[in-house]
mmCIF file of all heavy atoms, coordinates in Angstrom:
data_MODEL
# 
_entry.id   MODEL 
# 
loop_
_atom_site.group_PDB 
_atom_site.id 
_atom_site.type_symbol 
_atom_site.label_atom_id 
_atom_site.label_alt_id 
_atom_site.label_comp_id 
_atom_site.label_asym_id 
_atom_site.label_entity_id 
_atom_site.label_seq_id 
_atom_site.pdbx_PDB_ins_code 
_atom_site.Cartn_x 
_atom_site.Cartn_y 
_atom_site.Cartn_z 
_atom_site.occupancy 
_atom_site.B_iso_or_equiv 
_atom_site.pdbx_formal_charge 
_atom_site.auth_seq_id 
_atom_site.auth_comp_id 
_atom_site.auth_asym_id 
_atom_site.auth_atom_id 
_atom_site.pdbx_PDB_model_num 
ATOM 1   N N   . ALA A 1 1  ? -14.870 4.576  -2.927 1.00 0.00 ? 1  ALA A N   1 
ATOM 2   C CA  . ALA A 1 1  ? -15.286 4.604  -1.481 1.00 0.00 ? 1  ALA A CA  1 
ATOM 3   C C   . ALA A 1 1  ? -14.324 3.771  -0.646 1.00 0.00 ? 1  ALA A C   1 
ATOM 4   O O   . ALA A 1 1  ? -13.637 2.912  -1.136 1.00 0.00 ? 1  ALA A O   1 
ATOM 5   C CB  . ALA A 1 1  ? -16.790 4.061  -1.405 1.00 0.00 ? 1  ALA A CB  1 
ATOM 6   N N   . GLY A 1 2  ? -14.331 4.072  0.678  1.00 0.00 ? 2  GLY A N   1 
ATOM 7   C CA  . GLY A 1 2  ? -13.561 3.261  1.558  1.00 0.00 ? 2  GLY A CA  1 
ATOM 8   C C   . GLY A 1 2  ? -12.083 3.609  1.684  1.00 0.00 ? 2  GLY A C   1 
ATOM 9   O O   . GLY A 1 2  ? -11.278 2.889  2.359  1.00 0.00 ? 2  GLY A O   1 
ATOM 10  N N   . VAL A 1 3  ? -11.672 4.665  0.969  1.00 0.00 ? 3  VAL A N   1 
ATOM 11  C CA  . VAL A 1 3  ? -10.246 5.016  1.006  1.00 0.00 ? 3  VAL A CA  1 
ATOM 12  C C   . VAL A 1 3  ? -9.930  5.713  2.293  1.00 0.00 ? 3  VAL A C   1 
ATOM 13  O O   . VAL A 1 3  ? -10.661 6.663  2.715  1.00 0.00 ? 3  VAL A O   1 
ATOM 14  C CB  . VAL A 1 3  ? -9.824  5.898  -0.193 1.00 0.00 ? 3  VAL A CB  1 
ATOM 15  C CG1 . VAL A 1 3  ? -8.394  6.306  -0.113 1.00 0.00 ? 3  VAL A CG1 1 
ATOM 16  C CG2 . VAL A 1 3  ? -10.102 5.125  -1.540 1.00 0.00 ? 3  VAL A CG2 1 
ATOM 17  N N   . VAL A 1 4  ? -8.912  5.255  3.007  1.00 0.00 ? 4  VAL A N   1 
ATOM 18  C CA  . VAL A 1 4  ? -8.572  5.962  4.317  1.00 0.00 ? 4  VAL A CA  1 
ATOM 19  C C   . VAL A 1 4  ? -8.012  7.356  4.025  1.00 0.00 ? 4  VAL A C   1 
ATOM 20  O O   . VAL A 1 4  ? -7.022  7.504  3.341  1.00 0.00 ? 4  VAL A O   1 
ATOM 21  C CB  . VAL A 1 4  ? -7.580  5.149  5.110  1.00 0.00 ? 4  VAL A CB  1 
ATOM 22  C CG1 . VAL A 1 4  ? -7.167  5.813  6.444  1.00 0.00 ? 4  VAL A CG1 1 
ATOM 23  C CG2 . VAL A 1 4  ? -8.102  3.767  5.416  1.00 0.00 ? 4  VAL A CG2 1 
ATOM 24  N N   . PRO A 1 5  ? -8.684  8.398  4.582  1.00 0.00 ? 5  PRO A N   1 
ATOM 25  C CA  . PRO A 1 5  ? -8.166  9.814  4.274  1.00 0.00 ? 5  PRO A CA  1 
ATOM 26  C C   . PRO A 1 5  ? -6.860  10.048 5.023  1.00 0.00 ? 5  PRO A C   1 
ATOM 27  O O   . PRO A 1 5  ? -6.592  9.475  6.112  1.00 0.00 ? 5  PRO A O   1 
ATOM 28  C CB  . PRO A 1 5  ? -9.284  10.622 4.836  1.00 0.00 ? 5  PRO A CB  1 
ATOM 29  C CG  . PRO A 1 5  ? -9.946  9.828  5.890  1.00 0.00 ? 5  PRO A CG  1 
ATOM 30  C CD  . PRO A 1 5  ? -9.835  8.364  5.459  1.00 0.00 ? 5  PRO A CD  1 
ATOM 31  N N   . LYS A 1 6  ? -6.017  10.893 4.398  1.00 0.00 ? 6  LYS A N   1 
ATOM 32  C CA  . LYS A 1 6  ? -4.740  11.357 4.999  1.00 0.00 ? 6  LYS A CA  1 
ATOM 33  C C   . LYS A 1 6  ? -4.917  12.759 5.514  1.00 0.00 ? 6  LYS A C   1 
ATOM 34  O O   . LYS A 1 6  ? -5.923  13.423 5.246  1.00 0.00 ? 6  LYS A O   1 
ATOM 35  C CB  . LYS A 1 6  ? -3.665  11.208 3.970  1.00 0.00 ? 6  LYS A CB  1 
ATOM 36  C CG  . LYS A 1 6  ? -3.389  9.838  3.444  1.00 0.00 ? 6  LYS A CG  1 
ATOM 37  C CD  . LYS A 1 6  ? -2.268  9.785  2.352  1.00 0.00 ? 6  LYS A CD  1 
ATOM 38  C CE  . LYS A 1 6  ? -2.052  8.448  1.856  1.00 0.00 ? 6  LYS A CE  1 
ATOM 39  N NZ  . LYS A 1 6  ? -0.919  8.392  0.841  1.00 0.00 ? 6  LYS A NZ  1 
ATOM 40  N N   . GLN A 1 7  ? -3.936  13.199 6.282  1.00 0.00 ? 7  GLN A N   1 
ATOM 41  C CA  . GLN A 1 7  ? -4.069  14.542 6.765  1.00 0.00 ? 7  GLN A CA  1 
ATOM 42  C C   . GLN A 1 7  ? -4.130  15.516 5.618  1.00 0.00 ? 7  GLN A C   1 
ATOM 43  O O   . GLN A 1 7  ? -3.304  15.462 4.644  1.00 0.00 ? 7  GLN A O   1 
ATOM 44  C CB  . GLN A 1 7  ? -2.768  14.894 7.642  1.00 0.00 ? 7  GLN A CB  1 
ATOM 45  C CG  . GLN A 1 7  ? -2.722  16.289 8.049  1.00 0.00 ? 7  GLN A CG  1 
ATOM 46  C CD  . GLN A 1 7  ? -1.827  16.513 9.306  1.00 0.00 ? 7  GLN A CD  1 
ATOM 47  O OE1 . GLN A 1 7  ? -1.901  15.872 10.348 1.00 0.00 ? 7  GLN A OE1 1 
ATOM 48  N NE2 . GLN A 1 7  ? -0.789  17.407 9.121  1.00 0.00 ? 7  GLN A NE2 1 
ATOM 49  N N   . GLY A 1 8  ? -5.047  16.407 5.662  1.00 0.00 ? 8  GLY A N   1 
ATOM 50  C CA  . GLY A 1 8  ? -5.329  17.397 4.595  1.00 0.00 ? 8  GLY A CA  1 
ATOM 51  C C   . GLY A 1 8  ? -6.379  16.881 3.730  1.00 0.00 ? 8  GLY A C   1 
ATOM 52  O O   . GLY A 1 8  ? -6.716  17.676 2.778  1.00 0.00 ? 8  GLY A O   1 
ATOM 53  N N   . ASP A 1 9  ? -6.973  15.691 3.862  1.00 0.00 ? 9  ASP A N   1 
ATOM 54  C CA  . ASP A 1 9  ? -8.077  15.247 3.088  1.00 0.00 ? 9  ASP A CA  1 
ATOM 55  C C   . ASP A 1 9  ? -9.347  15.649 3.798  1.00 0.00 ? 9  ASP A C   1 
ATOM 56  O O   . ASP A 1 9  ? -9.419  15.907 4.981  1.00 0.00 ? 9  ASP A O   1 
ATOM 57  C CB  . ASP A 1 9  ? -8.032  13.715 2.898  1.00 0.00 ? 9  ASP A CB  1 
ATOM 58  C CG  . ASP A 1 9  ? -7.025  13.256 1.944  1.00 0.00 ? 9  ASP A CG  1 
ATOM 59  O OD1 . ASP A 1 9  ? -6.600  14.024 1.096  1.00 0.00 ? 9  ASP A OD1 1 
ATOM 60  O OD2 . ASP A 1 9  ? -6.694  11.991 2.011  1.00 0.00 ? 9  ASP A OD2 1 
ATOM 61  N N   . PHE A 1 10 ? -10.446 15.797 2.969  1.00 0.00 ? 10 PHE A N   1 
ATOM 62  C CA  . PHE A 1 10 ? -11.743 15.957 3.565  1.00 0.00 ? 10 PHE A CA  1 
ATOM 63  C C   . PHE A 1 10 ? -12.231 14.728 4.295  1.00 0.00 ? 10 PHE A C   1 
ATOM 64  O O   . PHE A 1 10 ? -12.102 13.653 3.712  1.00 0.00 ? 10 PHE A O   1 
ATOM 65  C CB  . PHE A 1 10 ? -12.781 16.398 2.491  1.00 0.00 ? 10 PHE A CB  1 
ATOM 66  C CG  . PHE A 1 10 ? -12.512 17.819 1.964  1.00 0.00 ? 10 PHE A CG  1 
ATOM 67  C CD1 . PHE A 1 10 ? -11.749 18.119 0.863  1.00 0.00 ? 10 PHE A CD1 1 
ATOM 68  C CD2 . PHE A 1 10 ? -13.061 18.922 2.657  1.00 0.00 ? 10 PHE A CD2 1 
ATOM 69  C CE1 . PHE A 1 10 ? -11.450 19.333 0.463  1.00 0.00 ? 10 PHE A CE1 1 
ATOM 70  C CE2 . PHE A 1 10 ? -12.854 20.201 2.238  1.00 0.00 ? 10 PHE A CE2 1 
ATOM 71  C CZ  . PHE A 1 10 ? -11.980 20.452 1.091  1.00 0.00 ? 10 PHE A CZ  1 
ATOM 72  N N   . LEU A 1 11 ? -12.681 14.863 5.467  1.00 0.00 ? 11 LEU A N   1 
ATOM 73  C CA  . LEU A 1 11 ? -13.003 13.801 6.314  1.00 0.00 ? 11 LEU A CA  1 
ATOM 74  C C   . LEU A 1 11 ? -14.482 13.603 6.551  1.00 0.00 ? 11 LEU A C   1 
ATOM 75  O O   . LEU A 1 11 ? -14.959 12.452 6.670  1.00 0.00 ? 11 LEU A O   1 
ATOM 76  C CB  . LEU A 1 11 ? -12.270 13.978 7.704  1.00 0.00 ? 11 LEU A CB  1 
ATOM 77  C CG  . LEU A 1 11 ? -12.586 12.963 8.841  1.00 0.00 ? 11 LEU A CG  1 
ATOM 78  C CD1 . LEU A 1 11 ? -11.894 11.609 8.534  1.00 0.00 ? 11 LEU A CD1 1 
ATOM 79  C CD2 . LEU A 1 11 ? -11.943 13.573 10.184 1.00 0.00 ? 11 LEU A CD2 1 
ATOM 80  N N   . TRP A 1 12 ? -15.204 14.695 6.801  1.00 0.00 ? 12 TRP A N   1 
ATOM 81  C CA  . TRP A 1 12 ? -16.495 14.582 7.355  1.00 0.00 ? 12 TRP A CA  1 
ATOM 82  C C   . TRP A 1 12 ? -17.290 15.879 6.954  1.00 0.00 ? 12 TRP A C   1 
ATOM 83  O O   . TRP A 1 12 ? -16.660 16.911 6.572  1.00 0.00 ? 12 TRP A O   1 
ATOM 84  C CB  . TRP A 1 12 ? -16.489 14.428 8.881  1.00 0.00 ? 12 TRP A CB  1 
ATOM 85  C CG  . TRP A 1 12 ? -17.785 14.234 9.584  1.00 0.00 ? 12 TRP A CG  1 
ATOM 86  C CD1 . TRP A 1 12 ? -18.236 15.039 10.649 1.00 0.00 ? 12 TRP A CD1 1 
ATOM 87  C CD2 . TRP A 1 12 ? -18.726 13.152 9.500  1.00 0.00 ? 12 TRP A CD2 1 
ATOM 88  N NE1 . TRP A 1 12 ? -19.388 14.514 11.148 1.00 0.00 ? 12 TRP A NE1 1 
ATOM 89  C CE2 . TRP A 1 12 ? -19.689 13.333 10.445 1.00 0.00 ? 12 TRP A CE2 1 
ATOM 90  C CE3 . TRP A 1 12 ? -18.761 12.068 8.657  1.00 0.00 ? 12 TRP A CE3 1 
ATOM 91  C CZ2 . TRP A 1 12 ? -20.795 12.520 10.632 1.00 0.00 ? 12 TRP A CZ2 1 
ATOM 92  C CZ3 . TRP A 1 12 ? -19.844 11.184 8.821  1.00 0.00 ? 12 TRP A CZ3 1 
ATOM 93  C CH2 . TRP A 1 12 ? -20.860 11.452 9.785  1.00 0.00 ? 12 TRP A CH2 1 
ATOM 94  N N   . HIS A 1 13 ? -18.619 15.803 7.124  1.00 0.00 ? 13 HIS A N   1 
ATOM 95  C CA  . HIS A 1 13 ? -19.473 17.014 6.765  1.00 0.00 ? 13 HIS A CA  1 
ATOM 96  C C   . HIS A 1 13 ? -20.566 17.071 7.743  1.00 0.00 ? 13 HIS A C   1 
ATOM 97  O O   . HIS A 1 13 ? -21.243 16.051 8.020  1.00 0.00 ? 13 HIS A O   1 
ATOM 98  C CB  . HIS A 1 13 ? -20.060 17.021 5.378  1.00 0.00 ? 13 HIS A CB  1 
ATOM 99  C CG  . HIS A 1 13 ? -18.960 16.860 4.312  1.00 0.00 ? 13 HIS A CG  1 
ATOM 100 N ND1 . HIS A 1 13 ? -18.317 15.720 3.995  1.00 0.00 ? 13 HIS A ND1 1 
ATOM 101 C CD2 . HIS A 1 13 ? -18.426 17.853 3.537  1.00 0.00 ? 13 HIS A CD2 1 
ATOM 102 C CE1 . HIS A 1 13 ? -17.402 15.996 3.042  1.00 0.00 ? 13 HIS A CE1 1 
ATOM 103 N NE2 . HIS A 1 13 ? -17.447 17.288 2.738  1.00 0.00 ? 13 HIS A NE2 1 
ATOM 104 N N   . GLU A 1 14 ? -20.870 18.227 8.308  1.00 0.00 ? 14 GLU A N   1 
ATOM 105 C CA  . GLU A 1 14 ? -21.956 18.432 9.218  1.00 0.00 ? 14 GLU A CA  1 
ATOM 106 C C   . GLU A 1 14 ? -22.839 19.645 8.611  1.00 0.00 ? 14 GLU A C   1 
ATOM 107 O O   . GLU A 1 14 ? -22.269 20.705 8.266  1.00 0.00 ? 14 GLU A O   1 
ATOM 108 C CB  . GLU A 1 14 ? -21.510 18.777 10.613 1.00 0.00 ? 14 GLU A CB  1 
ATOM 109 C CG  . GLU A 1 14 ? -20.913 17.569 11.291 1.00 0.00 ? 14 GLU A CG  1 
ATOM 110 C CD  . GLU A 1 14 ? -20.319 17.853 12.700 1.00 0.00 ? 14 GLU A CD  1 
ATOM 111 O OE1 . GLU A 1 14 ? -20.456 18.994 13.092 1.00 0.00 ? 14 GLU A OE1 1 
ATOM 112 O OE2 . GLU A 1 14 ? -19.953 16.884 13.355 1.00 0.00 ? 14 GLU A OE2 1 
ATOM 113 N N   . LEU A 1 15 ? -24.157 19.487 8.709  1.00 0.00 ? 15 LEU A N   1 
ATOM 114 C CA  . LEU A 1 15 ? -25.063 20.543 8.418  1.00 0.00 ? 15 LEU A CA  1 
ATOM 115 C C   . LEU A 1 15 ? -25.342 21.152 9.737  1.00 0.00 ? 15 LEU A C   1 
ATOM 116 O O   . LEU A 1 15 ? -25.957 20.508 10.664 1.00 0.00 ? 15 LEU A O   1 
ATOM 117 C CB  . LEU A 1 15 ? -26.275 20.008 7.766  1.00 0.00 ? 15 LEU A CB  1 
ATOM 118 C CG  . LEU A 1 15 ? -27.418 21.079 7.545  1.00 0.00 ? 15 LEU A CG  1 
ATOM 119 C CD1 . LEU A 1 15 ? -26.975 22.193 6.636  1.00 0.00 ? 15 LEU A CD1 1 
ATOM 120 C CD2 . LEU A 1 15 ? -28.652 20.383 6.993  1.00 0.00 ? 15 LEU A CD2 1 
ATOM 121 N N   . TRP A 1 16 ? -25.008 22.407 9.898  1.00 0.00 ? 16 TRP A N   1 
ATOM 122 C CA  . TRP A 1 16 ? -25.306 23.198 11.087 1.00 0.00 ? 16 TRP A CA  1 
ATOM 123 C C   . TRP A 1 16 ? -26.561 24.034 10.749 1.00 0.00 ? 16 TRP A C   1 
ATOM 124 O O   . TRP A 1 16 ? -26.528 24.858 9.887  1.00 0.00 ? 16 TRP A O   1 
ATOM 125 C CB  . TRP A 1 16 ? -24.194 24.175 11.467 1.00 0.00 ? 16 TRP A CB  1 
ATOM 126 C CG  . TRP A 1 16 ? -22.941 23.412 11.935 1.00 0.00 ? 16 TRP A CG  1 
ATOM 127 C CD1 . TRP A 1 16 ? -22.748 22.053 11.927 1.00 0.00 ? 16 TRP A CD1 1 
ATOM 128 C CD2 . TRP A 1 16 ? -21.782 24.021 12.343 1.00 0.00 ? 16 TRP A CD2 1 
ATOM 129 N NE1 . TRP A 1 16 ? -21.455 21.784 12.370 1.00 0.00 ? 16 TRP A NE1 1 
ATOM 130 C CE2 . TRP A 1 16 ? -20.848 22.958 12.622 1.00 0.00 ? 16 TRP A CE2 1 
ATOM 131 C CE3 . TRP A 1 16 ? -21.300 25.337 12.536 1.00 0.00 ? 16 TRP A CE3 1 
ATOM 132 C CZ2 . TRP A 1 16 ? -19.550 23.160 13.073 1.00 0.00 ? 16 TRP A CZ2 1 
ATOM 133 C CZ3 . TRP A 1 16 ? -20.012 25.531 12.970 1.00 0.00 ? 16 TRP A CZ3 1 
ATOM 134 C CH2 . TRP A 1 16 ? -19.071 24.468 13.279 1.00 0.00 ? 16 TRP A CH2 1 
ATOM 135 N N   . THR A 1 17 ? -27.681 23.670 11.360 1.00 0.00 ? 17 THR A N   1 
ATOM 136 C CA  . THR A 1 17 ? -29.029 24.156 10.832 1.00 0.00 ? 17 THR A CA  1 
ATOM 137 C C   . THR A 1 17 ? -29.895 24.642 11.916 1.00 0.00 ? 17 THR A C   1 
ATOM 138 O O   . THR A 1 17 ? -29.864 24.221 13.104 1.00 0.00 ? 17 THR A O   1 
ATOM 139 C CB  . THR A 1 17 ? -29.725 23.027 10.035 1.00 0.00 ? 17 THR A CB  1 
ATOM 140 O OG1 . THR A 1 17 ? -30.928 23.529 9.515  1.00 0.00 ? 17 THR A OG1 1 
ATOM 141 C CG2 . THR A 1 17 ? -29.999 21.848 10.919 1.00 0.00 ? 17 THR A CG2 1 
ATOM 142 N N   . SER A 1 18 ? -30.857 25.508 11.506 1.00 0.00 ? 18 SER A N   1 
ATOM 143 C CA  . SER A 1 18 ? -31.829 26.073 12.476 1.00 0.00 ? 18 SER A CA  1 
ATOM 144 C C   . SER A 1 18 ? -32.999 25.110 12.750 1.00 0.00 ? 18 SER A C   1 
ATOM 145 O O   . SER A 1 18 ? -33.714 25.355 13.658 1.00 0.00 ? 18 SER A O   1 
ATOM 146 C CB  . SER A 1 18 ? -32.345 27.382 11.877 1.00 0.00 ? 18 SER A CB  1 
ATOM 147 O OG  . SER A 1 18 ? -32.985 27.129 10.648 1.00 0.00 ? 18 SER A OG  1 
ATOM 148 N N   . ASP A 1 19 ? -33.017 24.015 11.930 1.00 0.00 ? 19 ASP A N   1 
ATOM 149 C CA  . ASP A 1 19 ? -34.122 23.067 12.157 1.00 0.00 ? 19 ASP A CA  1 
ATOM 150 C C   . ASP A 1 19 ? -33.662 21.691 11.833 1.00 0.00 ? 19 ASP A C   1 
ATOM 151 O O   . ASP A 1 19 ? -33.797 21.210 10.608 1.00 0.00 ? 19 ASP A O   1 
ATOM 152 C CB  . ASP A 1 19 ? -35.393 23.450 11.287 1.00 0.00 ? 19 ASP A CB  1 
ATOM 153 C CG  . ASP A 1 19 ? -36.564 22.696 11.678 1.00 0.00 ? 19 ASP A CG  1 
ATOM 154 O OD1 . ASP A 1 19 ? -36.554 21.625 12.262 1.00 0.00 ? 19 ASP A OD1 1 
ATOM 155 O OD2 . ASP A 1 19 ? -37.709 23.188 11.384 1.00 0.00 ? 19 ASP A OD2 1 
ATOM 156 N N   . VAL A 1 20 ? -33.099 20.993 12.716 1.00 0.00 ? 20 VAL A N   1 
ATOM 157 C CA  . VAL A 1 20 ? -32.662 19.632 12.550 1.00 0.00 ? 20 VAL A CA  1 
ATOM 158 C C   . VAL A 1 20 ? -33.702 18.704 12.014 1.00 0.00 ? 20 VAL A C   1 
ATOM 159 O O   . VAL A 1 20 ? -33.435 17.899 11.101 1.00 0.00 ? 20 VAL A O   1 
ATOM 160 C CB  . VAL A 1 20 ? -31.866 19.105 13.857 1.00 0.00 ? 20 VAL A CB  1 
ATOM 161 C CG1 . VAL A 1 20 ? -31.538 17.625 13.642 1.00 0.00 ? 20 VAL A CG1 1 
ATOM 162 C CG2 . VAL A 1 20 ? -30.755 19.895 14.147 1.00 0.00 ? 20 VAL A CG2 1 
ATOM 163 N N   . PHE A 1 21 ? -34.868 18.775 12.597 1.00 0.00 ? 21 PHE A N   1 
ATOM 164 C CA  . PHE A 1 21 ? -35.932 17.786 12.292 1.00 0.00 ? 21 PHE A CA  1 
ATOM 165 C C   . PHE A 1 21 ? -36.548 17.997 10.896 1.00 0.00 ? 21 PHE A C   1 
ATOM 166 O O   . PHE A 1 21 ? -37.164 17.068 10.450 1.00 0.00 ? 21 PHE A O   1 
ATOM 167 C CB  . PHE A 1 21 ? -36.956 17.784 13.458 1.00 0.00 ? 21 PHE A CB  1 
ATOM 168 C CG  . PHE A 1 21 ? -36.429 17.293 14.753 1.00 0.00 ? 21 PHE A CG  1 
ATOM 169 C CD1 . PHE A 1 21 ? -36.138 18.214 15.762 1.00 0.00 ? 21 PHE A CD1 1 
ATOM 170 C CD2 . PHE A 1 21 ? -36.195 15.978 14.946 1.00 0.00 ? 21 PHE A CD2 1 
ATOM 171 C CE1 . PHE A 1 21 ? -35.611 17.755 16.977 1.00 0.00 ? 21 PHE A CE1 1 
ATOM 172 C CE2 . PHE A 1 21 ? -35.643 15.554 16.162 1.00 0.00 ? 21 PHE A CE2 1 
ATOM 173 C CZ  . PHE A 1 21 ? -35.416 16.424 17.193 1.00 0.00 ? 21 PHE A CZ  1 
ATOM 174 N N   . ALA A 1 22 ? -36.432 19.215 10.395 1.00 0.00 ? 22 ALA A N   1 
ATOM 175 C CA  . ALA A 1 22 ? -36.930 19.434 8.965  1.00 0.00 ? 22 ALA A CA  1 
ATOM 176 C C   . ALA A 1 22 ? -35.786 19.124 7.984  1.00 0.00 ? 22 ALA A C   1 
ATOM 177 O O   . ALA A 1 22 ? -36.027 18.561 6.903  1.00 0.00 ? 22 ALA A O   1 
ATOM 178 C CB  . ALA A 1 22 ? -37.387 20.832 8.827  1.00 0.00 ? 22 ALA A CB  1 
ATOM 179 N N   . ALA A 1 23 ? -34.507 19.452 8.363  1.00 0.00 ? 23 ALA A N   1 
ATOM 180 C CA  . ALA A 1 23 ? -33.516 19.319 7.396  1.00 0.00 ? 23 ALA A CA  1 
ATOM 181 C C   . ALA A 1 23 ? -33.142 17.833 7.205  1.00 0.00 ? 23 ALA A C   1 
ATOM 182 O O   . ALA A 1 23 ? -32.767 17.420 6.109  1.00 0.00 ? 23 ALA A O   1 
ATOM 183 C CB  . ALA A 1 23 ? -32.233 20.121 7.843  1.00 0.00 ? 23 ALA A CB  1 
ATOM 184 N N   . SER A 1 24 ? -33.138 17.060 8.275  1.00 0.00 ? 24 SER A N   1 
ATOM 185 C CA  . SER A 1 24 ? -32.710 15.608 8.145  1.00 0.00 ? 24 SER A CA  1 
ATOM 186 C C   . SER A 1 24 ? -33.516 14.836 7.149  1.00 0.00 ? 24 SER A C   1 
ATOM 187 O O   . SER A 1 24 ? -32.951 14.276 6.205  1.00 0.00 ? 24 SER A O   1 
ATOM 188 C CB  . SER A 1 24 ? -32.815 14.958 9.536  1.00 0.00 ? 24 SER A CB  1 
ATOM 189 O OG  . SER A 1 24 ? -32.007 15.587 10.493 1.00 0.00 ? 24 SER A OG  1 
ATOM 190 N N   . PRO A 1 25 ? -34.899 14.876 7.135  1.00 0.00 ? 25 PRO A N   1 
ATOM 191 C CA  . PRO A 1 25 ? -35.599 14.146 6.129  1.00 0.00 ? 25 PRO A CA  1 
ATOM 192 C C   . PRO A 1 25 ? -35.486 14.732 4.751  1.00 0.00 ? 25 PRO A C   1 
ATOM 193 O O   . PRO A 1 25 ? -35.627 14.034 3.735  1.00 0.00 ? 25 PRO A O   1 
ATOM 194 C CB  . PRO A 1 25 ? -37.057 14.212 6.593  1.00 0.00 ? 25 PRO A CB  1 
ATOM 195 C CG  . PRO A 1 25 ? -37.127 15.309 7.563  1.00 0.00 ? 25 PRO A CG  1 
ATOM 196 C CD  . PRO A 1 25 ? -35.692 15.405 8.160  1.00 0.00 ? 25 PRO A CD  1 
# 
């Protein structure tokens, strides 16, 4: 953990969802 990503590394993840309030918990 804590390694600074370089260009071409995976940086972040987002769940694009039809129900934010159900998916988050």
